[in-house]
Protein backbone atom coordinates (compact mmCIF):
# COMPACT_ATOMS: atom_id res chain seq x y z
CA MET A 1 231.66 -2.55 -35.00
CA GLU A 2 230.02 -2.66 -38.43
CA VAL A 3 226.68 -4.01 -37.19
CA GLU A 4 226.30 -1.16 -34.69
CA GLU A 5 227.20 1.36 -37.38
CA LEU A 6 224.57 -0.14 -39.69
CA CYS A 7 221.93 0.16 -36.96
CA LEU A 8 222.85 3.83 -36.52
CA VAL A 9 222.47 4.43 -40.27
CA ILE A 10 219.02 2.75 -40.21
CA ARG A 11 218.02 4.89 -37.22
CA ARG A 12 219.16 8.09 -39.00
CA THR A 13 217.68 7.36 -42.43
CA GLY A 14 214.57 5.36 -41.55
CA GLU A 15 211.15 6.39 -40.36
CA VAL A 16 209.42 5.45 -37.11
CA GLY A 17 206.34 3.34 -37.73
CA GLU A 18 203.17 3.03 -35.66
CA ASP A 19 204.78 0.18 -33.70
CA GLY A 20 207.63 2.47 -32.65
CA HIS A 21 210.22 0.60 -34.71
CA VAL A 22 212.40 2.37 -37.27
CA SER A 23 212.17 0.99 -40.80
CA VAL A 24 213.92 1.72 -44.08
CA THR A 25 213.77 0.10 -47.53
CA PHE A 26 216.75 -1.92 -48.68
CA GLY A 27 217.18 0.39 -51.68
CA GLN A 28 217.37 3.49 -49.49
CA LEU A 29 219.71 1.79 -47.03
CA PHE A 30 221.93 0.47 -49.80
CA GLU A 31 222.27 3.92 -51.39
CA THR A 32 223.09 5.50 -48.03
CA TYR A 33 225.35 2.78 -46.67
CA VAL A 34 227.25 1.80 -49.83
CA THR A 35 229.37 4.92 -49.42
CA ILE A 36 230.44 3.55 -46.02
CA SER A 37 230.86 -0.11 -46.95
CA ASN A 38 230.17 -2.34 -49.93
CA LYS A 39 229.48 -5.23 -47.52
CA VAL A 40 226.02 -3.98 -46.53
CA VAL A 41 224.22 -7.30 -47.26
CA GLY A 42 226.66 -9.35 -45.17
CA ILE A 43 226.38 -6.90 -42.31
CA LEU A 44 222.57 -6.99 -42.55
CA LEU A 45 222.62 -10.79 -42.34
CA ARG A 46 224.83 -10.61 -39.24
CA ALA A 47 222.55 -8.00 -37.67
CA ARG A 48 219.53 -10.25 -38.29
CA LYS A 49 221.35 -13.24 -36.80
CA HIS A 50 221.88 -11.19 -33.63
CA GLY A 51 218.19 -10.16 -33.53
CA LEU A 52 218.84 -6.50 -34.31
CA VAL A 53 216.94 -6.21 -37.60
CA HIS A 54 214.15 -8.02 -39.44
CA PHE A 55 213.48 -8.37 -43.16
CA GLU A 56 211.75 -10.91 -45.39
CA GLY A 57 213.76 -13.36 -47.46
CA GLU A 58 217.06 -15.15 -47.06
CA MET A 59 219.19 -12.78 -49.14
CA LEU A 60 218.83 -9.26 -50.48
CA TRP A 61 219.86 -8.24 -54.00
CA GLN A 62 220.39 -4.68 -55.17
CA GLY A 63 217.70 -3.70 -57.66
CA LYS A 64 215.50 -6.76 -57.17
CA ASP A 65 214.91 -6.22 -53.44
CA ASP A 66 215.03 -2.42 -53.24
CA ASP A 67 211.47 -2.30 -51.83
CA VAL A 68 212.09 -4.84 -49.05
CA VAL A 69 211.52 -3.19 -45.68
CA ILE A 70 214.24 -3.56 -43.06
CA THR A 71 213.08 -2.95 -39.50
CA LEU A 72 215.34 -2.09 -36.60
CA LEU A 73 214.21 -4.22 -33.64
CA GLN A 74 216.13 -2.46 -30.87
C-alpha cells in the first residue's frame, strides 16, 4: 500500500525528535519519494486522514512548502 510505503520512507529519511517521533521536511521527502511516485502529496493527505502523519496546512506545494515539517505519528 502506498501510504505504508510513504511511512517507511519517512522513517528511513527522517530524524527522531525529542518526543520520539520521526520528522522530515516536505522538501527532503519530496526529493526522496518522487523517484518512487509522483503522487506524494495525495498519499501524504491520505496518510494524515488516517492519523499516520501530521503537518501544518491543507495542501503542500513543491518549492513553497519545502520547509514544512512532516511528523510520523506511529
